[in-house]
C-alpha atoms as a PDB file:
ATOM      1  CA  UNK A   1      20.266   8.666 -21.697  1.00  0.00           C
ATOM      2  CA  UNK A   2      19.450   6.536 -19.016  1.00  0.00           C
ATOM      3  CA  UNK A   3      21.164   8.567 -15.867  1.00  0.00           C
ATOM      4  CA  UNK A   4      18.547  11.193 -17.263  1.00  0.00           C
ATOM      5  CA  UNK A   5      15.680   9.468 -16.154  1.00  0.00           C
ATOM      6  CA  UNK A   6      14.074  10.932 -13.211  1.00  0.00           C
ATOM      7  CA  UNK A   7      11.787   7.663 -11.561  1.00  0.00           C
ATOM      8  CA  UNK A   8       9.288   8.576  -9.421  1.00  0.00           C
ATOM      9  CA  UNK A   9       9.834   8.784  -5.617  1.00  0.00           C
ATOM     10  CA  UNK A  10       7.427   5.758  -4.868  1.00  0.00           C
ATOM     11  CA  UNK A  11       9.023   3.835  -7.545  1.00  0.00           C
ATOM     12  CA  UNK A  12      12.716   4.434  -5.551  1.00  0.00           C
ATOM     13  CA  UNK A  13      11.276   3.745  -2.188  1.00  0.00           C
ATOM     14  CA  UNK A  14       9.649   0.466  -3.497  1.00  0.00           C
ATOM     15  CA  UNK A  15      13.273  -1.251  -4.311  1.00  0.00           C
ATOM     16  CA  UNK A  16      13.361  -4.516  -3.478  1.00  0.00           C
ATOM     17  CA  UNK A  17       9.984  -5.328  -3.980  1.00  0.00           C
ATOM     18  CA  UNK A  18       7.898  -7.634  -5.734  1.00  0.00           C
ATOM     19  CA  UNK A  19       6.198  -6.446  -9.474  1.00  0.00           C
ATOM     20  CA  UNK A  20       2.959  -6.663  -7.853  1.00  0.00           C
ATOM     21  CA  UNK A  21       3.480  -4.707  -4.361  1.00  0.00           C
ATOM     22  CA  UNK A  22       5.641  -2.199  -6.689  1.00  0.00           C
ATOM     23  CA  UNK A  23       2.325  -1.651  -9.431  1.00  0.00           C
ATOM     24  CA  UNK A  24       0.398  -1.113  -5.990  1.00  0.00           C
ATOM     25  CA  UNK A  25       2.466   1.578  -4.388  1.00  0.00           C
ATOM     26  CA  UNK A  26       2.796   3.262  -7.930  1.00  0.00           C
ATOM     27  CA  UNK A  27      -1.028   2.620  -8.694  1.00  0.00           C
ATOM     28  CA  UNK A  28      -1.447   4.928  -5.530  1.00  0.00           C
ATOM     29  CA  UNK A  29      -0.919   7.691  -7.340  1.00  0.00           C
ATOM     30  CA  UNK A  30      -4.053   7.083  -9.472  1.00  0.00           C
ATOM     31  CA  UNK A  31      -5.705   6.745  -6.369  1.00  0.00           C
ATOM     32  CA  UNK A  32      -4.256   9.626  -4.567  1.00  0.00           C
ATOM     33  CA  UNK A  33      -5.225  11.954  -7.865  1.00  0.00           C
ATOM     34  CA  UNK A  34      -9.009  10.243  -7.643  1.00  0.00           C
ATOM     35  CA  UNK A  35      -9.017  12.330  -3.878  1.00  0.00           C
ATOM     36  CA  UNK A  36      -7.375  15.150  -5.444  1.00  0.00           C
ATOM     37  CA  UNK A  37      -4.691  15.021  -3.237  1.00  0.00           C
ATOM     38  CA  UNK A  38      -0.760  15.280  -4.520  1.00  0.00           C
ATOM     39  CA  UNK A  39       0.922  12.690  -2.197  1.00  0.00           C
ATOM     40  CA  UNK A  40       0.976   9.519  -1.746  1.00  0.00           C
ATOM     41  CA  UNK A  41      -0.764   7.814   1.387  1.00  0.00           C
ATOM     42  CA  UNK A  42      -1.006   4.972   3.059  1.00  0.00           C
ATOM     43  CA  UNK A  43      -4.640   4.784   2.326  1.00  0.00           C
ATOM     44  CA  UNK A  44      -3.954   5.629  -1.150  1.00  0.00           C
ATOM     45  CA  UNK A  45      -1.958   2.250  -1.568  1.00  0.00           C
ATOM     46  CA  UNK A  46      -4.508   0.126   0.340  1.00  0.00           C
ATOM     47  CA  UNK A  47      -6.924   1.470  -2.006  1.00  0.00           C
ATOM     48  CA  UNK A  48      -4.597   0.714  -5.280  1.00  0.00           C
ATOM     49  CA  UNK A  49      -3.947  -2.871  -3.270  1.00  0.00           C
ATOM     50  CA  UNK A  50      -7.533  -3.829  -3.661  1.00  0.00           C
ATOM     51  CA  UNK A  51      -7.148  -4.493  -7.129  1.00  0.00           C
ATOM     52  CA  UNK A  52      -7.361  -7.515  -8.233  1.00  0.00           C
ATOM     53  CA  UNK A  53      -4.830  -7.755 -10.988  1.00  0.00           C
ATOM     54  CA  UNK A  54      -1.848  -6.666  -8.418  1.00  0.00           C
ATOM     55  CA  UNK A  55      -2.599  -8.163  -5.410  1.00  0.00           C
ATOM     56  CA  UNK A  56      -3.618 -11.898  -5.718  1.00  0.00           C
ATOM     57  CA  UNK A  57      -1.803 -12.657  -2.715  1.00  0.00           C
ATOM     58  CA  UNK A  58      -2.897  -9.784  -0.744  1.00  0.00           C
ATOM     59  CA  UNK A  59      -6.788 -10.380  -1.686  1.00  0.00           C
ATOM     60  CA  UNK A  60      -6.423 -13.719  -0.706  1.00  0.00           C
ATOM     61  CA  UNK A  61      -5.377 -13.163   2.873  1.00  0.00           C
ATOM     62  CA  UNK A  62      -8.276 -10.751   3.274  1.00  0.00           C
ATOM     63  CA  UNK A  63     -10.250 -13.200   2.355  1.00  0.00           C
ATOM     64  CA  UNK A  64      -9.209 -15.748   4.422  1.00  0.00           C
ATOM     65  CA  UNK A  65     -10.176 -13.102   7.150  1.00  0.00           C
ATOM     66  CA  UNK A  66     -13.282 -12.447   5.735  1.00  0.00           C
ATOM     67  CA  UNK A  67     -13.130  -9.079   4.593  1.00  0.00           C
ATOM     68  CA  UNK A  68     -13.500  -7.710   1.130  1.00  0.00           C
ATOM     69  CA  UNK A  69     -12.309  -5.018  -0.645  1.00  0.00           C
ATOM     70  CA  UNK A  70     -15.355  -3.390  -1.620  1.00  0.00           C
ATOM     71  CA  UNK A  71     -15.939  -3.016   2.147  1.00  0.00           C
ATOM     72  CA  UNK A  72     -12.568  -1.622   2.667  1.00  0.00           C
ATOM     73  CA  UNK A  73     -12.728   0.290  -0.323  1.00  0.00           C
ATOM     74  CA  UNK A  74     -16.351   2.037   1.251  1.00  0.00           C
ATOM     75  CA  UNK A  75     -14.695   2.395   4.373  1.00  0.00           C
ATOM     76  CA  UNK A  76     -11.427   4.434   3.403  1.00  0.00           C
ATOM     77  CA  UNK A  77     -13.600   6.339   0.905  1.00  0.00           C
ATOM     78  CA  UNK A  78     -16.293   7.187   3.346  1.00  0.00           C
ATOM     79  CA  UNK A  79     -13.371   9.007   5.793  1.00  0.00           C
ATOM     80  CA  UNK A  80     -10.654   9.683   3.406  1.00  0.00           C
ATOM     81  CA  UNK A  81      -9.932  13.648   2.814  1.00  0.00           C
ATOM     82  CA  UNK A  82     -10.631  15.105  -0.400  1.00  0.00           C
ATOM     83  CA  UNK A  83      -8.370  18.100  -2.308  1.00  0.00           C
ATOM     84  CA  UNK A  84      -9.571  20.878  -3.389  1.00  0.00           C
ATOM     85  CA  UNK A  85      -8.473  23.529  -5.902  1.00  0.00           C
ATOM     86  CA  UNK A  86      -5.933  23.078  -8.810  1.00  0.00           C
ATOM     87  CA  UNK A  87      -3.597  19.676  -8.187  1.00  0.00           C
ATOM     88  CA  UNK A  88       0.060  20.899  -9.300  1.00  0.00           C
ATOM     89  CA  UNK A  89       0.847  17.886 -12.348  1.00  0.00           C
ATOM     90  CA  UNK A  90       4.605  18.440 -11.577  1.00  0.00           C
ATOM     91  CA  UNK A  91       4.229  17.947  -7.854  1.00  0.00           C
ATOM     92  CA  UNK A  92       2.242  14.648  -8.956  1.00  0.00           C
ATOM     93  CA  UNK A  93       4.695  13.487 -11.662  1.00  0.00           C
ATOM     94  CA  UNK A  94       7.501  13.255  -8.917  1.00  0.00           C
ATOM     95  CA  UNK A  95       5.191  10.152  -7.168  1.00  0.00           C
ATOM     96  CA  UNK A  96       5.931  11.321  -3.896  1.00  0.00           C
ATOM     97  CA  UNK A  97       4.902   9.973  -0.682  1.00  0.00           C
ATOM     98  CA  UNK A  98       3.498  11.141   2.651  1.00  0.00           C
ATOM     99  CA  UNK A  99       5.943  10.361   5.997  1.00  0.00           C
ATOM    100  CA  UNK A 100       3.185   8.026   7.017  1.00  0.00           C
ATOM    101  CA  UNK A 101       3.536   5.921   3.253  1.00  0.00           C
ATOM    102  CA  UNK A 102       6.962   6.308   3.451  1.00  0.00           C
ATOM    103  CA  UNK A 103       6.812   4.216   7.192  1.00  0.00           C
ATOM    104  CA  UNK A 104       4.345   1.865   5.505  1.00  0.00           C
ATOM    105  CA  UNK A 105       6.926   0.849   2.821  1.00  0.00           C
ATOM    106  CA  UNK A 106       9.507   0.431   5.308  1.00  0.00           C
ATOM    107  CA  UNK A 107       8.052  -1.536   7.593  1.00  0.00           C
ATOM    108  CA  UNK A 108       6.828  -3.598   4.733  1.00  0.00           C
ATOM    109  CA  UNK A 109      10.276  -4.191   4.292  1.00  0.00           C
ATOM    110  CA  UNK A 110      11.232  -5.299   7.786  1.00  0.00           C
ATOM    111  CA  UNK A 111       8.659  -7.448   7.904  1.00  0.00           C
ATOM    112  CA  UNK A 112       9.423  -9.402   4.994  1.00  0.00           C
ATOM    113  CA  UNK A 113      12.977  -9.891   6.328  1.00  0.00           C
ATOM    114  CA  UNK A 114      12.127 -10.999   9.748  1.00  0.00           C
ATOM    115  CA  UNK A 115      10.329 -13.542   7.604  1.00  0.00           C
ATOM    116  CA  UNK A 116      13.296 -14.178   5.980  1.00  0.00           C
ATOM    117  CA  UNK A 117      11.836 -13.021   2.208  1.00  0.00           C
ATOM    118  CA  UNK A 118      14.100 -11.204   0.120  1.00  0.00           C
ATOM    119  CA  UNK A 119      11.660  -9.264  -1.478  1.00  0.00           C
ATOM    120  CA  UNK A 120       8.156  -7.478  -0.438  1.00  0.00           C
ATOM    121  CA  UNK A 121       5.357  -9.134  -1.435  1.00  0.00           C
ATOM    122  CA  UNK A 122       1.762  -7.612  -1.350  1.00  0.00           C
ATOM    123  CA  UNK A 123       0.902  -9.458   2.077  1.00  0.00           C
ATOM    124  CA  UNK A 124       3.834  -7.581   3.615  1.00  0.00           C
ATOM    125  CA  UNK A 125       2.704  -4.124   2.061  1.00  0.00           C
ATOM    126  CA  UNK A 126      -0.769  -5.105   3.578  1.00  0.00           C
ATOM    127  CA  UNK A 127       1.048  -6.018   6.939  1.00  0.00           C
ATOM    128  CA  UNK A 128       3.070  -2.744   6.191  1.00  0.00           C
ATOM    129  CA  UNK A 129       0.040  -0.798   6.185  1.00  0.00           C
ATOM    130  CA  UNK A 130      -1.376  -2.110   9.081  1.00  0.00           C
ATOM    131  CA  UNK A 131       1.687  -1.747  11.608  1.00  0.00           C
ATOM    132  CA  UNK A 132       1.643   2.510  11.610  1.00  0.00           C
ATOM    133  CA  UNK A 133      -1.093   4.832  12.398  1.00  0.00           C
ATOM    134  CA  UNK A 134      -3.219   6.074   9.555  1.00  0.00           C
ATOM    135  CA  UNK A 135      -6.389   5.833   8.012  1.00  0.00           C
ATOM    136  CA  UNK A 136      -5.558   2.756   6.341  1.00  0.00           C
ATOM    137  CA  UNK A 137      -4.552   0.925   9.293  1.00  0.00           C
ATOM    138  CA  UNK A 138      -7.362   2.503  11.564  1.00  0.00           C
ATOM    139  CA  UNK A 139     -10.046   0.520   8.681  1.00  0.00           C
ATOM    140  CA  UNK A 140      -8.387  -2.587   8.752  1.00  0.00           C
ATOM    141  CA  UNK A 141      -8.068  -3.052  12.064  1.00  0.00           C
ATOM    142  CA  UNK A 142     -12.133  -1.965  12.275  1.00  0.00           C
ATOM    143  CA  UNK A 143     -12.639  -4.438   9.552  1.00  0.00           C
ATOM    144  CA  UNK A 144     -11.134  -7.117  11.910  1.00  0.00           C
ATOM    145  CA  UNK A 145      -7.677  -7.591  10.471  1.00  0.00           C
ATOM    146  CA  UNK A 146      -5.300  -7.054  12.753  1.00  0.00           C
ATOM    147  CA  UNK A 147      -1.213  -7.545  12.045  1.00  0.00           C
ATOM    148  CA  UNK A 148      -1.182 -10.938  14.394  1.00  0.00           C
ATOM    149  CA  UNK A 149      -3.423 -12.526  12.104  1.00  0.00           C
ATOM    150  CA  UNK A 150      -1.692 -11.291   9.196  1.00  0.00           C
ATOM    151  CA  UNK A 151       1.822 -12.635  10.365  1.00  0.00           C
ATOM    152  CA  UNK A 152      -0.141 -15.925  10.972  1.00  0.00           C
ATOM    153  CA  UNK A 153      -1.161 -16.317   7.641  1.00  0.00           C
ATOM    154  CA  UNK A 154       2.040 -15.553   6.269  1.00  0.00           C
ATOM    155  CA  UNK A 155       3.928 -17.514   8.377  1.00  0.00           C
ATOM    156  CA  UNK A 156       2.227 -20.874   6.945  1.00  0.00           C
ATOM    157  CA  UNK A 157       3.711 -19.642   3.226  1.00  0.00           C
ATOM    158  CA  UNK A 158       6.454 -16.648   4.186  1.00  0.00           C
ATOM    159  CA  UNK A 159       8.196 -16.507   0.507  1.00  0.00           C
ATOM    160  CA  UNK A 160       4.993 -15.879  -1.130  1.00  0.00           C
END
């Protein structure tokens, strides 16, 4: 029965997100797995957001700021912690978010609403990642991606 279906936490937390933004959050689980981590953090969502098929709008925004996905990926991977030991596959299936990952999604939702947008697209997700303290926000800021710049680009087309 449909009510017996258990959705990963990441899926439940990304309600109200566009299909592409939701895919980026869910694909954060793949990025976490690559780093042998069991929960999805902002750095995993950021790495997933760099995939062209998922994040056309966010990647366009980064291109306008002259920051490449490759540069971001290299910087994150150079500093990201790698897990060790055996992964708990049952825990992985739950798609749990770190507190910072949850905070990034909430901030993205708040930012979209402040712009009058009824849904959270990938640029708002990028903004949410920037506006909380994590490896993802540190890397983005070091590369010149700042909240006020992202907001100004979003303001040109807030419903994107």
